[in-house]
Amino acid sequence: MPAGCDLIMPDGPRYMTATRRAEFEGGYSQRSSAGPNSLRMGRTITVMGPKAGIKEVSDFLARMAGVGAFYLRAPCEDEPVLYSAASWQVMNTGHDSARLTAELRQEFDIV
């Protein structure tokens, strides 16, 4: 994290499942997990600080381009988690301050 920037995670992680589902007549359905990592986390993060620091974070996410994965450890977690970020937004909050909000998705790649 760039100097002077604060990482804020306003909400806990969201858990998402990947499920295959087949529906048949009479309301009958079958469900199965879609692969070995069918449960994944997503979370929203906010980074606040000087515009130069926020630009550094935004440039990093742009280089990752939603494809590259990176480790991030939430303040309340013991271990870092592998994430990607497909979308983020930068907002000016003052003369020399800004805020970046990003949607992160847990990944299971080999880095």
C-alpha atoms as a PDB file:
ATOM      1  CA  MET A   1       0.000   0.000   0.000  1.00  0.00           C
ATOM      2  CA  PRO A   2       1.410   3.417  -0.886  1.00  0.00           C
ATOM      3  CA  ALA A   3       2.550   5.673   1.956  1.00  0.00           C
ATOM      4  CA  GLY A   4      -0.231   7.730   3.448  1.00  0.00           C
ATOM      5  CA  CYS A   5      -2.998   5.524   2.027  1.00  0.00           C
ATOM      6  CA  ASP A   6      -5.511   3.656   4.182  1.00  0.00           C
ATOM      7  CA  LEU A   7      -7.114   0.358   3.153  1.00  0.00           C
ATOM      8  CA  ILE A   8     -10.734   0.159   4.263  1.00  0.00           C
ATOM      9  CA  MET A   9     -12.905  -2.924   3.917  1.00  0.00           C
ATOM     10  CA  PRO A  10     -16.368  -1.630   4.806  1.00  0.00           C
ATOM     11  CA  ASP A  11     -18.053  -5.020   4.598  1.00  0.00           C
ATOM     12  CA  GLY A  12     -17.000  -8.570   5.226  1.00  0.00           C
ATOM     13  CA  PRO A  13     -16.412 -10.963   2.343  1.00  0.00           C
ATOM     14  CA  ARG A  14     -19.267 -12.106   0.104  1.00  0.00           C
ATOM     15  CA  TYR A  15     -19.321 -15.827  -0.618  1.00  0.00           C
ATOM     16  CA  MET A  16     -20.376 -17.088  -4.035  1.00  0.00           C
ATOM     17  CA  THR A  17     -20.926 -20.636  -5.233  1.00  0.00           C
ATOM     18  CA  ALA A  18     -20.419 -22.059  -8.691  1.00  0.00           C
ATOM     19  CA  THR A  19     -23.150 -24.603  -9.252  1.00  0.00           C
ATOM     20  CA  ARG A  20     -24.287 -26.502 -12.312  1.00  0.00           C
ATOM     21  CA  ARG A  21     -28.036 -27.000 -12.414  1.00  0.00           C
ATOM     22  CA  ALA A  22     -30.249 -29.076 -14.671  1.00  0.00           C
ATOM     23  CA  GLU A  23     -34.032 -28.667 -14.437  1.00  0.00           C
ATOM     24  CA  PHE A  24     -36.568 -31.243 -15.557  1.00  0.00           C
ATOM     25  CA  GLU A  25     -40.336 -31.465 -15.851  1.00  0.00           C
ATOM     26  CA  GLY A  26     -42.355 -31.475 -12.670  1.00  0.00           C
ATOM     27  CA  GLY A  27     -39.966 -29.153 -10.840  1.00  0.00           C
ATOM     28  CA  TYR A  28     -37.269 -31.787 -10.424  1.00  0.00           C
ATOM     29  CA  SER A  29     -33.694 -30.509 -10.581  1.00  0.00           C
ATOM     30  CA  GLN A  30     -30.171 -31.754 -10.098  1.00  0.00           C
ATOM     31  CA  ARG A  31     -27.310 -29.621  -8.817  1.00  0.00           C
ATOM     32  CA  SER A  32     -23.595 -30.228  -8.589  1.00  0.00           C
ATOM     33  CA  SER A  33     -20.497 -28.221  -7.754  1.00  0.00           C
ATOM     34  CA  ALA A  34     -18.726 -26.681 -10.711  1.00  0.00           C
ATOM     35  CA  GLY A  35     -15.166 -27.787 -10.009  1.00  0.00           C
ATOM     36  CA  PRO A  36     -12.970 -28.155  -6.948  1.00  0.00           C
ATOM     37  CA  ASN A  37     -13.104 -24.434  -6.043  1.00  0.00           C
ATOM     38  CA  SER A  38     -16.834 -23.925  -6.262  1.00  0.00           C
ATOM     39  CA  LEU A  39     -16.913 -21.613  -3.235  1.00  0.00           C
ATOM     40  CA  ARG A  40     -15.119 -18.299  -3.632  1.00  0.00           C
ATOM     41  CA  MET A  41     -15.035 -14.918  -1.932  1.00  0.00           C
ATOM     42  CA  GLY A  42     -15.591 -11.462  -3.244  1.00  0.00           C
ATOM     43  CA  ARG A  43     -15.163  -8.212  -1.395  1.00  0.00           C
ATOM     44  CA  THR A  44     -15.302  -4.472  -1.865  1.00  0.00           C
ATOM     45  CA  ILE A  45     -12.276  -2.463  -0.796  1.00  0.00           C
ATOM     46  CA  THR A  46     -11.766   1.253  -0.489  1.00  0.00           C
ATOM     47  CA  VAL A  47      -8.365   2.946  -0.476  1.00  0.00           C
ATOM     48  CA  MET A  48      -8.195   6.564   0.691  1.00  0.00           C
ATOM     49  CA  GLY A  49      -5.210   8.867   0.625  1.00  0.00           C
ATOM     50  CA  PRO A  50      -3.205  11.357  -1.401  1.00  0.00           C
ATOM     51  CA  LYS A  51      -3.921  11.474  -5.137  1.00  0.00           C
ATOM     52  CA  ALA A  52      -0.400  10.216  -5.952  1.00  0.00           C
ATOM     53  CA  GLY A  53      -0.924   7.106  -3.813  1.00  0.00           C
ATOM     54  CA  ILE A  54      -4.357   6.434  -5.270  1.00  0.00           C
ATOM     55  CA  LYS A  55      -2.914   6.818  -8.792  1.00  0.00           C
ATOM     56  CA  GLU A  56      -0.283   4.211  -7.875  1.00  0.00           C
ATOM     57  CA  VAL A  57      -3.012   1.745  -6.808  1.00  0.00           C
ATOM     58  CA  SER A  58      -5.103   2.511  -9.909  1.00  0.00           C
ATOM     59  CA  ASP A  59      -2.080   2.058 -12.182  1.00  0.00           C
ATOM     60  CA  PHE A  60      -1.348  -1.299 -10.511  1.00  0.00           C
ATOM     61  CA  LEU A  61      -4.925  -2.486 -11.125  1.00  0.00           C
ATOM     62  CA  ALA A  62      -4.714  -1.265 -14.736  1.00  0.00           C
ATOM     63  CA  ARG A  63      -1.517  -3.293 -15.271  1.00  0.00           C
ATOM     64  CA  MET A  64      -3.282  -6.365 -13.874  1.00  0.00           C
ATOM     65  CA  ALA A  65      -6.128  -5.617 -16.345  1.00  0.00           C
ATOM     66  CA  GLY A  66      -8.584  -7.893 -14.536  1.00  0.00           C
ATOM     67  CA  VAL A  67      -6.441 -10.879 -15.560  1.00  0.00           C
ATOM     68  CA  GLY A  68      -3.445 -10.729 -13.245  1.00  0.00           C
ATOM     69  CA  ALA A  69      -3.973 -11.920  -9.697  1.00  0.00           C
ATOM     70  CA  PHE A  70      -2.407 -10.476  -6.545  1.00  0.00           C
ATOM     71  CA  TYR A  71      -2.335 -11.292  -2.848  1.00  0.00           C
ATOM     72  CA  LEU A  72      -4.121  -9.091  -0.325  1.00  0.00           C
ATOM     73  CA  ARG A  73      -4.484  -9.704   3.398  1.00  0.00           C
ATOM     74  CA  ALA A  74      -7.544  -8.203   5.021  1.00  0.00           C
ATOM     75  CA  PRO A  75      -6.811  -6.558   8.379  1.00  0.00           C
ATOM     76  CA  CYS A  76      -8.957  -9.147  10.189  1.00  0.00           C
ATOM     77  CA  GLU A  77      -7.555 -12.225   8.393  1.00  0.00           C
ATOM     78  CA  ASP A  78      -4.444 -14.266   9.179  1.00  0.00           C
ATOM     79  CA  GLU A  79      -3.508 -15.260   5.634  1.00  0.00           C
ATOM     80  CA  PRO A  80      -3.467 -13.300   2.363  1.00  0.00           C
ATOM     81  CA  VAL A  81      -5.986 -14.280  -0.315  1.00  0.00           C
ATOM     82  CA  LEU A  82      -5.400 -14.285  -4.079  1.00  0.00           C
ATOM     83  CA  TYR A  83      -7.676 -11.744  -5.834  1.00  0.00           C
ATOM     84  CA  SER A  84      -8.261 -10.099  -9.179  1.00  0.00           C
ATOM     85  CA  ALA A  85     -10.047  -6.785  -9.789  1.00  0.00           C
ATOM     86  CA  ALA A  86     -12.081  -6.318 -12.951  1.00  0.00           C
ATOM     87  CA  SER A  87     -13.559  -2.959 -11.953  1.00  0.00           C
ATOM     88  CA  TRP A  88     -12.620   0.018  -9.811  1.00  0.00           C
ATOM     89  CA  GLN A  89     -13.510   3.682  -9.529  1.00  0.00           C
ATOM     90  CA  VAL A  90     -11.462   6.707  -8.459  1.00  0.00           C
ATOM     91  CA  MET A  91     -13.148   9.735  -6.904  1.00  0.00           C
ATOM     92  CA  ASN A  92     -11.524  13.051  -5.960  1.00  0.00           C
ATOM     93  CA  THR A  93     -12.315  13.883  -2.340  1.00  0.00           C
ATOM     94  CA  GLY A  94     -10.382  17.114  -1.867  1.00  0.00           C
ATOM     95  CA  HIS A  95      -7.505  19.244  -3.092  1.00  0.00           C
ATOM     96  CA  ASP A  96      -4.898  16.483  -2.859  1.00  0.00           C
ATOM     97  CA  SER A  97      -6.909  13.479  -1.716  1.00  0.00           C
ATOM     98  CA  ALA A  98      -8.848  10.765  -3.500  1.00  0.00           C
ATOM     99  CA  ARG A  99     -10.681   7.516  -2.904  1.00  0.00           C
ATOM    100  CA  LEU A 100     -10.503   4.301  -4.938  1.00  0.00           C
ATOM    101  CA  THR A 101     -13.181   1.626  -4.627  1.00  0.00           C
ATOM    102  CA  ALA A 102     -12.615  -1.796  -6.203  1.00  0.00           C
ATOM    103  CA  GLU A 103     -14.545  -5.035  -6.485  1.00  0.00           C
ATOM    104  CA  LEU A 104     -12.266  -8.005  -5.822  1.00  0.00           C
ATOM    105  CA  ARG A 105     -12.873 -11.624  -6.760  1.00  0.00           C
ATOM    106  CA  GLN A 106     -11.003 -14.541  -5.220  1.00  0.00           C
ATOM    107  CA  GLU A 107      -8.852 -16.510  -7.643  1.00  0.00           C
ATOM    108  CA  PHE A 108      -7.223 -19.930  -7.400  1.00  0.00           C
ATOM    109  CA  ASP A 109      -4.434 -19.499  -9.969  1.00  0.00           C
ATOM    110  CA  ILE A 110      -0.859 -20.489  -9.503  1.00  0.00           C
ATOM    111  CA  VAL A 111       1.077 -17.234  -9.269  1.00  0.00           C
END
